[in-house]
Amino acid sequence: MVVMLSIAMEELLGLLDELDIPHDHLHRVLPLAEQGYSDPLVHDLILRLWSQVRTEEECNPLLVQSSIVCILHSIAAKCCQSPEKPPERISDRQLKNVLDQIEDRLDTALNIAELAAVVGVSKFHFIRLFNEAMGRTPYQYIQFRRIEKARLMLTTTHLTVADVGMAVGFGDAPNFSRTFTRHVGCSPSQYRQREK
């Protein structure tokens, strides 16, 4: 059974004033008004009010007001709940923000928790969402971008191999050389000679 309740705006605003609730919170109620929601307490209160109105000429104002306060409290609690279900995917805007942050900070130590905060999820959930969006984990993607930037720098600059490694976020030359060789199949020096 579907039950609908209509409250006059002036009455609603009056109750909000009495309860010291700012009027700008009304926008949170709109999605509930459009979609509806199930709450046994609200359902019961509305049925009781409806029954009272049908059987009596005049409703007790205290009953009406207290019922409406309970209904508003339930609606407010529903509106202020944080979403229980984490997002199923990273939005295009969030993904762009994450990728921009990675590009801007390739030369520094990147923290997965900071990247997850851009999306507003836990780092474990972020890793899964990022992997689904990009086809690789954040760590794999960061390594890929660092190696790609290193390849470009090795062929377009005269920086030493160690300096290129530092410029793309590797703390020491041996680590950079090992990682580069694993990804590219040759050392940074060999790559520079081959590509010139």
N, C-alpha and C. Protein backbone atom coordinates (compact mmCIF):
# COMPACT_ATOMS: atom_id res chain seq x y z
N MET A 1 0.83 -1.18 0.00
CA MET A 1 0.00 0.00 0.00
C MET A 1 0.88 1.25 0.00
N VAL A 2 0.59 2.16 -0.90
CA VAL A 2 1.33 3.41 -1.00
C VAL A 2 0.53 4.50 -0.31
N VAL A 3 1.19 5.25 0.55
CA VAL A 3 0.56 6.35 1.27
C VAL A 3 1.35 7.61 0.96
N MET A 4 0.63 8.67 0.62
CA MET A 4 1.29 9.94 0.32
C MET A 4 0.85 10.98 1.34
N LEU A 5 1.79 11.84 1.69
CA LEU A 5 1.52 12.90 2.65
C LEU A 5 1.86 14.23 1.99
N SER A 6 0.98 15.19 2.12
CA SER A 6 1.23 16.52 1.60
C SER A 6 1.20 17.49 2.77
N ILE A 7 2.27 18.25 2.92
CA ILE A 7 2.35 19.23 3.99
C ILE A 7 2.48 20.60 3.34
N ALA A 8 1.62 21.54 3.73
CA ALA A 8 1.69 22.90 3.19
C ALA A 8 3.05 23.50 3.50
N MET A 9 3.63 24.20 2.52
CA MET A 9 4.97 24.75 2.68
C MET A 9 5.04 25.72 3.86
N GLU A 10 4.02 26.56 4.06
CA GLU A 10 4.08 27.50 5.18
C GLU A 10 4.08 26.76 6.52
N GLU A 11 3.35 25.65 6.58
CA GLU A 11 3.33 24.86 7.81
C GLU A 11 4.69 24.18 8.01
N LEU A 12 5.26 23.68 6.93
CA LEU A 12 6.57 23.03 6.99
C LEU A 12 7.63 24.02 7.44
N LEU A 13 7.61 25.22 6.86
CA LEU A 13 8.60 26.24 7.23
C LEU A 13 8.43 26.68 8.69
N GLY A 14 7.18 26.75 9.13
CA GLY A 14 6.92 27.09 10.53
C GLY A 14 7.50 26.05 11.48
N LEU A 15 7.32 24.77 11.12
CA LEU A 15 7.87 23.70 11.96
C LEU A 15 9.40 23.72 11.94
N LEU A 16 9.97 24.00 10.78
CA LEU A 16 11.43 24.08 10.70
C LEU A 16 11.95 25.19 11.61
N ASP A 17 11.24 26.33 11.62
CA ASP A 17 11.63 27.44 12.50
C ASP A 17 11.57 27.02 13.96
N GLU A 18 10.50 26.33 14.33
CA GLU A 18 10.35 25.89 15.73
C GLU A 18 11.46 24.93 16.12
N LEU A 19 11.90 24.10 15.16
CA LEU A 19 12.92 23.10 15.45
C LEU A 19 14.34 23.62 15.21
N ASP A 20 14.46 24.91 14.82
CA ASP A 20 15.76 25.53 14.51
C ASP A 20 16.50 24.78 13.41
N ILE A 21 15.77 24.37 12.39
CA ILE A 21 16.38 23.71 11.23
C ILE A 21 16.44 24.75 10.11
N PRO A 22 17.62 25.00 9.53
CA PRO A 22 17.72 26.01 8.45
C PRO A 22 16.85 25.62 7.24
N HIS A 23 16.25 26.63 6.63
CA HIS A 23 15.37 26.39 5.48
C HIS A 23 16.11 25.82 4.28
N ASP A 24 17.42 26.10 4.19
CA ASP A 24 18.16 25.60 3.02
C ASP A 24 18.33 24.08 3.03
N HIS A 25 17.91 23.42 4.11
CA HIS A 25 17.96 21.96 4.16
C HIS A 25 16.80 21.32 3.41
N LEU A 26 15.86 22.14 2.97
CA LEU A 26 14.70 21.61 2.25
C LEU A 26 15.10 20.90 0.95
N HIS A 27 16.19 21.35 0.31
CA HIS A 27 16.60 20.74 -0.97
C HIS A 27 16.94 19.25 -0.80
N ARG A 28 17.27 18.84 0.42
CA ARG A 28 17.58 17.43 0.66
C ARG A 28 16.34 16.55 0.62
N VAL A 29 15.18 17.16 0.81
CA VAL A 29 13.93 16.39 0.85
C VAL A 29 13.43 16.08 -0.55
N LEU A 30 13.78 16.91 -1.52
CA LEU A 30 13.26 16.76 -2.88
C LEU A 30 13.46 15.37 -3.46
N PRO A 31 14.66 14.77 -3.37
CA PRO A 31 14.81 13.41 -3.92
C PRO A 31 13.86 12.40 -3.27
N LEU A 32 13.61 12.55 -1.97
CA LEU A 32 12.68 11.63 -1.30
C LEU A 32 11.26 11.86 -1.79
N ALA A 33 10.91 13.13 -2.01
CA ALA A 33 9.57 13.44 -2.50
C ALA A 33 9.35 12.85 -3.89
N GLU A 34 10.40 12.84 -4.71
CA GLU A 34 10.28 12.32 -6.07
C GLU A 34 10.31 10.80 -6.10
N GLN A 35 11.16 10.19 -5.30
CA GLN A 35 11.34 8.74 -5.36
C GLN A 35 10.51 8.00 -4.33
N GLY A 36 10.20 8.66 -3.24
CA GLY A 36 9.51 7.99 -2.15
C GLY A 36 10.48 7.12 -1.36
N TYR A 37 10.05 6.70 -0.19
CA TYR A 37 10.87 5.79 0.60
C TYR A 37 9.98 5.08 1.60
N SER A 38 10.48 3.99 2.10
CA SER A 38 9.69 3.16 3.00
C SER A 38 10.18 3.36 4.43
N ASP A 39 9.24 3.68 5.31
CA ASP A 39 9.56 3.81 6.72
C ASP A 39 8.31 3.40 7.50
N PRO A 40 8.36 2.30 8.24
CA PRO A 40 7.17 1.82 8.95
C PRO A 40 6.58 2.84 9.92
N LEU A 41 7.42 3.61 10.60
CA LEU A 41 6.93 4.61 11.54
C LEU A 41 6.13 5.69 10.82
N VAL A 42 6.69 6.21 9.72
CA VAL A 42 6.01 7.25 8.95
C VAL A 42 4.69 6.71 8.41
N HIS A 43 4.75 5.50 7.87
CA HIS A 43 3.55 4.86 7.32
C HIS A 43 2.45 4.78 8.39
N ASP A 44 2.83 4.32 9.56
CA ASP A 44 1.86 4.17 10.66
C ASP A 44 1.30 5.53 11.10
N LEU A 45 2.16 6.53 11.22
CA LEU A 45 1.70 7.87 11.63
C LEU A 45 0.72 8.46 10.61
N ILE A 46 1.02 8.29 9.34
CA ILE A 46 0.13 8.83 8.30
C ILE A 46 -1.21 8.11 8.32
N LEU A 47 -1.18 6.79 8.49
CA LEU A 47 -2.44 6.04 8.56
C LEU A 47 -3.27 6.47 9.77
N ARG A 48 -2.62 6.69 10.89
CA ARG A 48 -3.35 7.14 12.09
C ARG A 48 -3.98 8.52 11.86
N LEU A 49 -3.20 9.44 11.27
CA LEU A 49 -3.74 10.76 10.98
C LEU A 49 -4.91 10.67 10.01
N TRP A 50 -4.78 9.88 8.98
CA TRP A 50 -5.82 9.71 7.98
C TRP A 50 -7.09 9.14 8.63
N SER A 51 -6.90 8.15 9.48
CA SER A 51 -8.03 7.54 10.18
C SER A 51 -8.73 8.57 11.06
N GLN A 52 -7.94 9.38 11.75
CA GLN A 52 -8.48 10.41 12.64
C GLN A 52 -9.29 11.43 11.83
N VAL A 53 -8.76 11.87 10.71
CA VAL A 53 -9.42 12.86 9.88
C VAL A 53 -10.73 12.31 9.33
N ARG A 54 -10.76 11.05 8.95
CA ARG A 54 -11.96 10.44 8.38
C ARG A 54 -13.07 10.27 9.43
N THR A 55 -12.71 10.00 10.67
CA THR A 55 -13.72 9.68 11.69
C THR A 55 -14.14 10.87 12.55
N GLU A 56 -13.32 11.92 12.58
CA GLU A 56 -13.65 13.06 13.42
C GLU A 56 -13.71 14.33 12.59
N GLU A 57 -14.52 15.24 13.03
CA GLU A 57 -14.63 16.52 12.33
C GLU A 57 -13.38 17.37 12.50
N GLU A 58 -12.84 17.34 13.70
CA GLU A 58 -11.67 18.16 13.98
C GLU A 58 -10.58 17.30 14.59
N CYS A 59 -9.37 17.43 14.02
CA CYS A 59 -8.22 16.67 14.52
C CYS A 59 -7.56 17.44 15.66
N ASN A 60 -7.06 16.72 16.62
CA ASN A 60 -6.34 17.34 17.73
C ASN A 60 -5.06 17.97 17.16
N PRO A 61 -4.90 19.30 17.27
CA PRO A 61 -3.71 19.97 16.71
C PRO A 61 -2.40 19.43 17.28
N LEU A 62 -2.40 19.08 18.55
CA LEU A 62 -1.18 18.54 19.15
C LEU A 62 -0.80 17.21 18.52
N LEU A 63 -1.80 16.37 18.24
CA LEU A 63 -1.55 15.08 17.58
C LEU A 63 -0.98 15.31 16.18
N VAL A 64 -1.60 16.23 15.44
CA VAL A 64 -1.13 16.52 14.08
C VAL A 64 0.30 17.04 14.13
N GLN A 65 0.54 18.02 14.99
CA GLN A 65 1.87 18.62 15.03
C GLN A 65 2.93 17.61 15.48
N SER A 66 2.65 16.84 16.50
CA SER A 66 3.65 15.87 16.98
C SER A 66 3.89 14.79 15.93
N SER A 67 2.84 14.39 15.23
CA SER A 67 3.01 13.39 14.16
C SER A 67 3.88 13.95 13.05
N ILE A 68 3.61 15.20 12.67
CA ILE A 68 4.40 15.81 11.59
C ILE A 68 5.86 15.99 12.03
N VAL A 69 6.09 16.35 13.29
CA VAL A 69 7.46 16.47 13.79
C VAL A 69 8.17 15.12 13.69
N CYS A 70 7.49 14.03 14.08
CA CYS A 70 8.08 12.69 13.97
C CYS A 70 8.37 12.33 12.52
N ILE A 71 7.45 12.67 11.64
CA ILE A 71 7.63 12.38 10.21
C ILE A 71 8.82 13.18 9.67
N LEU A 72 8.88 14.46 10.01
CA LEU A 72 10.00 15.30 9.55
C LEU A 72 11.33 14.79 10.10
N HIS A 73 11.33 14.36 11.34
CA HIS A 73 12.55 13.82 11.93
C HIS A 73 13.01 12.59 11.15
N SER A 74 12.07 11.72 10.81
CA SER A 74 12.40 10.52 10.04
C SER A 74 12.93 10.88 8.66
N ILE A 75 12.29 11.86 8.03
CA ILE A 75 12.73 12.30 6.69
C ILE A 75 14.12 12.92 6.78
N ALA A 76 14.34 13.76 7.80
CA ALA A 76 15.66 14.39 7.97
C ALA A 76 16.74 13.35 8.20
N ALA A 77 16.43 12.33 9.01
CA ALA A 77 17.41 11.27 9.25
C ALA A 77 17.73 10.54 7.95
N LYS A 78 16.72 10.32 7.14
CA LYS A 78 16.91 9.62 5.86
C LYS A 78 17.74 10.48 4.91
N CYS A 79 17.46 11.78 4.89
CA CYS A 79 18.18 12.69 3.99
C CYS A 79 19.64 12.86 4.37
N CYS A 80 19.94 12.78 5.66
CA CYS A 80 21.30 13.03 6.11
C CYS A 80 22.16 11.78 6.15
N GLN A 81 21.59 10.64 5.83
CA GLN A 81 22.38 9.40 5.83
C GLN A 81 23.41 9.47 4.72
N SER A 82 24.61 9.00 5.03
CA SER A 82 25.61 8.89 3.97
C SER A 82 25.30 7.64 3.17
N PRO A 83 25.65 7.64 1.90
CA PRO A 83 25.35 6.48 1.08
C PRO A 83 26.03 5.23 1.64
N GLU A 84 25.27 4.16 1.78
CA GLU A 84 25.81 2.93 2.35
C GLU A 84 26.65 2.19 1.32
N LYS A 85 26.29 2.32 0.08
CA LYS A 85 26.94 1.56 -0.97
C LYS A 85 28.01 2.42 -1.63
N PRO A 86 29.26 1.96 -1.67
CA PRO A 86 30.28 2.75 -2.35
C PRO A 86 30.02 2.78 -3.85
N PRO A 87 30.60 3.77 -4.54
CA PRO A 87 30.35 3.86 -5.98
C PRO A 87 30.82 2.61 -6.72
N GLU A 88 30.14 2.31 -7.81
CA GLU A 88 30.48 1.13 -8.62
C GLU A 88 31.63 1.41 -9.57
N ARG A 89 31.83 2.69 -9.89
CA ARG A 89 32.92 3.04 -10.79
C ARG A 89 33.38 4.47 -10.50
N ILE A 90 34.56 4.79 -11.00
CA ILE A 90 35.09 6.14 -10.86
C ILE A 90 34.45 6.98 -11.97
N SER A 91 33.93 8.14 -11.62
CA SER A 91 33.36 9.01 -12.65
C SER A 91 34.49 9.54 -13.53
N ASP A 92 34.14 10.00 -14.72
CA ASP A 92 35.14 10.53 -15.65
C ASP A 92 35.90 11.70 -15.03
N ARG A 93 35.17 12.56 -14.33
CA ARG A 93 35.81 13.72 -13.70
C ARG A 93 36.79 13.27 -12.61
N GLN A 94 36.36 12.33 -11.77
CA GLN A 94 37.24 11.84 -10.71
C GLN A 94 38.49 11.18 -11.30
N LEU A 95 38.29 10.39 -12.36
CA LEU A 95 39.43 9.72 -12.99
C LEU A 95 40.40 10.75 -13.55
N LYS A 96 39.87 11.78 -14.21
CA LYS A 96 40.74 12.83 -14.75
C LYS A 96 41.52 13.51 -13.62
N ASN A 97 40.85 13.80 -12.51
CA ASN A 97 41.53 14.44 -11.37
C ASN A 97 42.64 13.55 -10.82
N VAL A 98 42.38 12.25 -10.72
CA VAL A 98 43.39 11.32 -10.23
C VAL A 98 44.57 11.25 -11.19
N LEU A 99 44.28 11.12 -12.49
CA LEU A 99 45.35 11.03 -13.49
C LEU A 99 46.17 12.32 -13.54
N ASP A 100 45.50 13.47 -13.40
CA ASP A 100 46.22 14.75 -13.37
C ASP A 100 47.14 14.82 -12.15
N GLN A 101 46.65 14.35 -11.01
CA GLN A 101 47.47 14.37 -9.80
C GLN A 101 48.69 13.46 -9.98
N ILE A 102 48.49 12.32 -10.59
CA ILE A 102 49.62 11.41 -10.84
C ILE A 102 50.64 12.08 -11.74
N GLU A 103 50.18 12.69 -12.84
CA GLU A 103 51.09 13.34 -13.78
C GLU A 103 51.86 14.48 -13.11
N ASP A 104 51.16 15.26 -12.30
CA ASP A 104 51.80 16.40 -11.63
C ASP A 104 52.83 15.97 -10.60
N ARG A 105 52.68 14.75 -10.09
CA ARG A 105 53.55 14.34 -8.99
C ARG A 105 54.37 13.08 -9.31
N LEU A 106 54.64 12.84 -10.59
CA LEU A 106 55.43 11.66 -10.95
C LEU A 106 56.81 11.66 -10.30
N ASP A 107 57.34 12.83 -10.02
CA ASP A 107 58.69 12.92 -9.46
C ASP A 107 58.72 12.78 -7.94
N THR A 108 57.55 12.61 -7.32
CA THR A 108 57.50 12.49 -5.86
C THR A 108 56.91 11.14 -5.47
N ALA A 109 56.97 10.84 -4.19
CA ALA A 109 56.36 9.61 -3.69
C ALA A 109 54.85 9.81 -3.66
N LEU A 110 54.14 9.01 -4.43
CA LEU A 110 52.68 9.10 -4.47
C LEU A 110 52.08 8.17 -3.45
N ASN A 111 51.03 8.64 -2.80
CA ASN A 111 50.38 7.89 -1.74
C ASN A 111 48.99 7.45 -2.22
N ILE A 112 48.72 6.15 -2.19
CA ILE A 112 47.43 5.62 -2.64
C ILE A 112 46.28 6.20 -1.82
N ALA A 113 46.50 6.42 -0.53
CA ALA A 113 45.44 6.98 0.31
C ALA A 113 45.05 8.38 -0.16
N GLU A 114 46.03 9.18 -0.60
CA GLU A 114 45.73 10.52 -1.11
C GLU A 114 44.94 10.44 -2.41
N LEU A 115 45.30 9.51 -3.28
CA LEU A 115 44.57 9.34 -4.54
C LEU A 115 43.15 8.84 -4.26
N ALA A 116 43.01 7.94 -3.31
CA ALA A 116 41.68 7.42 -2.95
C ALA A 116 40.81 8.54 -2.40
N ALA A 117 41.41 9.50 -1.70
CA ALA A 117 40.65 10.61 -1.13
C ALA A 117 40.04 11.48 -2.23
N VAL A 118 40.68 11.54 -3.39
CA VAL A 118 40.13 12.31 -4.52
C VAL A 118 38.79 11.73 -4.93
N VAL A 119 38.66 10.40 -4.85
CA VAL A 119 37.43 9.71 -5.23
C VAL A 119 36.48 9.59 -4.05
N GLY A 120 37.01 9.67 -2.83
CA GLY A 120 36.18 9.59 -1.64
C GLY A 120 35.86 8.17 -1.22
N VAL A 121 36.80 7.25 -1.45
CA VAL A 121 36.61 5.85 -1.06
C VAL A 121 37.85 5.37 -0.32
N SER A 122 37.76 4.17 0.25
CA SER A 122 38.92 3.60 0.92
C SER A 122 39.98 3.25 -0.12
N LYS A 123 41.22 3.11 0.34
CA LYS A 123 42.29 2.82 -0.63
C LYS A 123 42.11 1.46 -1.28
N PHE A 124 41.54 0.50 -0.57
CA PHE A 124 41.33 -0.83 -1.15
C PHE A 124 40.25 -0.78 -2.22
N HIS A 125 39.19 -0.03 -1.94
CA HIS A 125 38.12 0.12 -2.93
C HIS A 125 38.63 0.92 -4.12
N PHE A 126 39.47 1.93 -3.86
CA PHE A 126 40.04 2.75 -4.93
C PHE A 126 40.88 1.90 -5.88
N ILE A 127 41.70 1.02 -5.32
CA ILE A 127 42.55 0.16 -6.16
C ILE A 127 41.68 -0.66 -7.11
N ARG A 128 40.58 -1.20 -6.60
CA ARG A 128 39.68 -2.00 -7.44
C ARG A 128 39.02 -1.14 -8.52
N LEU A 129 38.51 0.04 -8.13
CA LEU A 129 37.84 0.91 -9.09
C LEU A 129 38.82 1.41 -10.16
N PHE A 130 40.02 1.76 -9.73
CA PHE A 130 41.03 2.25 -10.68
C PHE A 130 41.40 1.15 -11.66
N ASN A 131 41.59 -0.05 -11.14
CA ASN A 131 41.94 -1.20 -11.99
C ASN A 131 40.86 -1.45 -13.03
N GLU A 132 39.60 -1.33 -12.62
CA GLU A 132 38.49 -1.52 -13.56
C GLU A 132 38.47 -0.43 -14.63
N ALA A 133 38.80 0.80 -14.24
CA ALA A 133 38.77 1.93 -15.18
C ALA A 133 39.96 1.94 -16.12
N MET A 134 41.14 1.55 -15.62
CA MET A 134 42.37 1.70 -16.41
C MET A 134 42.99 0.39 -16.88
N GLY A 135 42.50 -0.72 -16.36
CA GLY A 135 43.07 -2.00 -16.78
C GLY A 135 44.38 -2.35 -16.09
N ARG A 136 44.73 -1.60 -15.08
CA ARG A 136 45.93 -1.86 -14.27
C ARG A 136 45.77 -1.19 -12.92
N THR A 137 46.51 -1.65 -11.93
CA THR A 137 46.42 -1.08 -10.59
C THR A 137 47.06 0.32 -10.60
N PRO A 138 46.77 1.13 -9.59
CA PRO A 138 47.41 2.45 -9.53
C PRO A 138 48.93 2.34 -9.54
N TYR A 139 49.48 1.39 -8.79
CA TYR A 139 50.93 1.20 -8.76
C TYR A 139 51.48 0.90 -10.16
N GLN A 140 50.83 -0.04 -10.87
CA GLN A 140 51.27 -0.39 -12.21
C GLN A 140 51.18 0.81 -13.16
N TYR A 141 50.10 1.57 -13.02
CA TYR A 141 49.93 2.75 -13.88
C TYR A 141 51.00 3.79 -13.60
N ILE A 142 51.28 4.04 -12.32
CA ILE A 142 52.30 5.02 -11.96
C ILE A 142 53.67 4.59 -12.49
N GLN A 143 53.99 3.31 -12.33
CA GLN A 143 55.26 2.81 -12.87
C GLN A 143 55.31 2.99 -14.39
N PHE A 144 54.21 2.66 -15.06
CA PHE A 144 54.13 2.80 -16.52
C PHE A 144 54.38 4.25 -16.92
N ARG A 145 53.70 5.20 -16.26
CA ARG A 145 53.87 6.61 -16.61
C ARG A 145 55.28 7.10 -16.32
N ARG A 146 55.88 6.62 -15.23
CA ARG A 146 57.26 7.02 -14.91
C ARG A 146 58.22 6.52 -15.98
N ILE A 147 58.05 5.30 -16.40
CA ILE A 147 58.93 4.73 -17.42
C ILE A 147 58.73 5.46 -18.75
N GLU A 148 57.46 5.76 -19.10
CA GLU A 148 57.20 6.49 -20.35
C GLU A 148 57.86 7.87 -20.32
N LYS A 149 57.76 8.56 -19.20
CA LYS A 149 58.39 9.88 -19.08
C LYS A 149 59.91 9.74 -19.13
N ALA A 150 60.44 8.71 -18.51
CA ALA A 150 61.90 8.48 -18.55
C ALA A 150 62.36 8.21 -19.97
N ARG A 151 61.59 7.43 -20.72
CA ARG A 151 61.96 7.14 -22.12
C ARG A 151 62.04 8.44 -22.92
N LEU A 152 61.06 9.31 -22.72
CA LEU A 152 61.05 10.59 -23.42
C LEU A 152 62.26 11.44 -23.01
N MET A 153 62.53 11.49 -21.73
CA MET A 153 63.65 12.31 -21.25
C MET A 153 65.00 11.76 -21.72
N LEU A 154 65.11 10.44 -21.78
CA LEU A 154 66.38 9.84 -22.24
C LEU A 154 66.68 10.20 -23.69
N THR A 155 65.65 10.40 -24.48
CA THR A 155 65.87 10.70 -25.90
C THR A 155 65.82 12.19 -26.22
N THR A 156 65.35 13.01 -25.31
CA THR A 156 65.21 14.44 -25.64
C THR A 156 66.04 15.36 -24.75
N THR A 157 66.72 14.81 -23.73
CA THR A 157 67.55 15.65 -22.85
C THR A 157 68.94 15.06 -22.76
N HIS A 158 69.83 15.82 -22.16
CA HIS A 158 71.21 15.36 -21.92
C HIS A 158 71.44 15.06 -20.45
N LEU A 159 70.36 14.91 -19.68
CA LEU A 159 70.50 14.57 -18.26
C LEU A 159 71.14 13.20 -18.12
N THR A 160 71.85 13.01 -17.02
CA THR A 160 72.42 11.68 -16.77
C THR A 160 71.29 10.71 -16.48
N VAL A 161 71.59 9.42 -16.58
CA VAL A 161 70.59 8.40 -16.28
C VAL A 161 70.08 8.55 -14.85
N ALA A 162 70.98 8.81 -13.93
CA ALA A 162 70.59 8.99 -12.52
C ALA A 162 69.65 10.18 -12.37
N ASP A 163 69.95 11.29 -13.07
CA ASP A 163 69.10 12.48 -12.98
C ASP A 163 67.72 12.23 -13.59
N VAL A 164 67.68 11.47 -14.68
CA VAL A 164 66.39 11.11 -15.28
C VAL A 164 65.59 10.28 -14.28
N GLY A 165 66.25 9.32 -13.64
CA GLY A 165 65.59 8.49 -12.64
C GLY A 165 65.00 9.32 -11.51
N MET A 166 65.78 10.30 -11.03
CA MET A 166 65.29 11.18 -9.96
C MET A 166 64.11 12.03 -10.45
N ALA A 167 64.19 12.49 -11.69
CA ALA A 167 63.14 13.35 -12.25
C ALA A 167 61.81 12.63 -12.41
N VAL A 168 61.84 11.30 -12.47
CA VAL A 168 60.59 10.54 -12.63
C VAL A 168 60.23 9.77 -11.36
N GLY A 169 60.84 10.14 -10.24
CA GLY A 169 60.39 9.62 -8.96
C GLY A 169 61.11 8.41 -8.40
N PHE A 170 62.23 8.03 -8.99
CA PHE A 170 63.00 6.92 -8.42
C PHE A 170 64.07 7.49 -7.50
N GLY A 171 64.13 6.96 -6.30
CA GLY A 171 65.04 7.49 -5.29
C GLY A 171 66.51 7.24 -5.57
N ASP A 172 66.83 6.17 -6.30
CA ASP A 172 68.24 5.88 -6.58
C ASP A 172 68.39 5.28 -7.99
N ALA A 173 69.58 5.43 -8.54
CA ALA A 173 69.84 4.98 -9.92
C ALA A 173 69.70 3.47 -10.09
N PRO A 174 70.20 2.62 -9.15
CA PRO A 174 70.05 1.18 -9.36
C PRO A 174 68.57 0.73 -9.43
N ASN A 175 67.73 1.31 -8.57
CA ASN A 175 66.30 0.97 -8.60
C ASN A 175 65.69 1.39 -9.94
N PHE A 176 66.03 2.61 -10.39
CA PHE A 176 65.53 3.09 -11.67
C PHE A 176 65.98 2.17 -12.80
N SER A 177 67.25 1.82 -12.81
CA SER A 177 67.79 0.98 -13.88
C SER A 177 67.11 -0.40 -13.90
N ARG A 178 66.93 -1.01 -12.72
CA ARG A 178 66.26 -2.32 -12.64
C ARG A 178 64.82 -2.26 -13.16
N THR A 179 64.10 -1.24 -12.70
CA THR A 179 62.69 -1.11 -13.09
C THR A 179 62.58 -0.82 -14.59
N PHE A 180 63.42 0.07 -15.08
CA PHE A 180 63.40 0.41 -16.50
C PHE A 180 63.70 -0.82 -17.36
N THR A 181 64.72 -1.57 -16.98
CA THR A 181 65.10 -2.77 -17.72
C THR A 181 63.98 -3.79 -17.73
N ARG A 182 63.32 -3.96 -16.59
CA ARG A 182 62.21 -4.91 -16.50
C ARG A 182 61.06 -4.51 -17.43
N HIS A 183 60.79 -3.22 -17.54
CA HIS A 183 59.67 -2.75 -18.37
C HIS A 183 60.01 -2.64 -19.85
N VAL A 184 61.22 -2.20 -20.15
CA VAL A 184 61.58 -1.89 -21.54
C VAL A 184 62.39 -3.01 -22.20
N GLY A 185 63.09 -3.80 -21.40
CA GLY A 185 63.88 -4.89 -21.96
C GLY A 185 65.33 -4.55 -22.18
N CYS A 186 65.73 -3.33 -21.84
CA CYS A 186 67.13 -2.94 -21.91
C CYS A 186 67.37 -1.85 -20.87
N SER A 187 68.63 -1.58 -20.57
CA SER A 187 68.95 -0.58 -19.55
C SER A 187 68.67 0.82 -20.10
N PRO A 188 68.57 1.81 -19.22
CA PRO A 188 68.36 3.19 -19.71
C PRO A 188 69.47 3.66 -20.65
N SER A 189 70.71 3.31 -20.34
CA SER A 189 71.82 3.71 -21.21
C SER A 189 71.70 3.06 -22.58
N GLN A 190 71.40 1.77 -22.61
CA GLN A 190 71.22 1.07 -23.89
C GLN A 190 70.06 1.67 -24.68
N TYR A 191 68.99 1.99 -23.98
CA TYR A 191 67.83 2.58 -24.65
C TYR A 191 68.20 3.93 -25.28
N ARG A 192 68.94 4.75 -24.54
CA ARG A 192 69.35 6.07 -25.05
C ARG A 192 70.21 5.92 -26.29
N GLN A 193 71.15 4.97 -26.28
CA GLN A 193 72.02 4.77 -27.46
C GLN A 193 71.22 4.25 -28.64
N ARG A 194 70.30 3.33 -28.36
CA ARG A 194 69.50 2.71 -29.44
C ARG A 194 68.55 3.72 -30.08
N GLU A 195 68.01 4.64 -29.31
CA GLU A 195 67.00 5.55 -29.83
C GLU A 195 67.57 6.83 -30.43
N LYS A 196 68.87 7.07 -30.26
CA LYS A 196 69.48 8.30 -30.83
C LYS A 196 69.75 8.13 -32.30
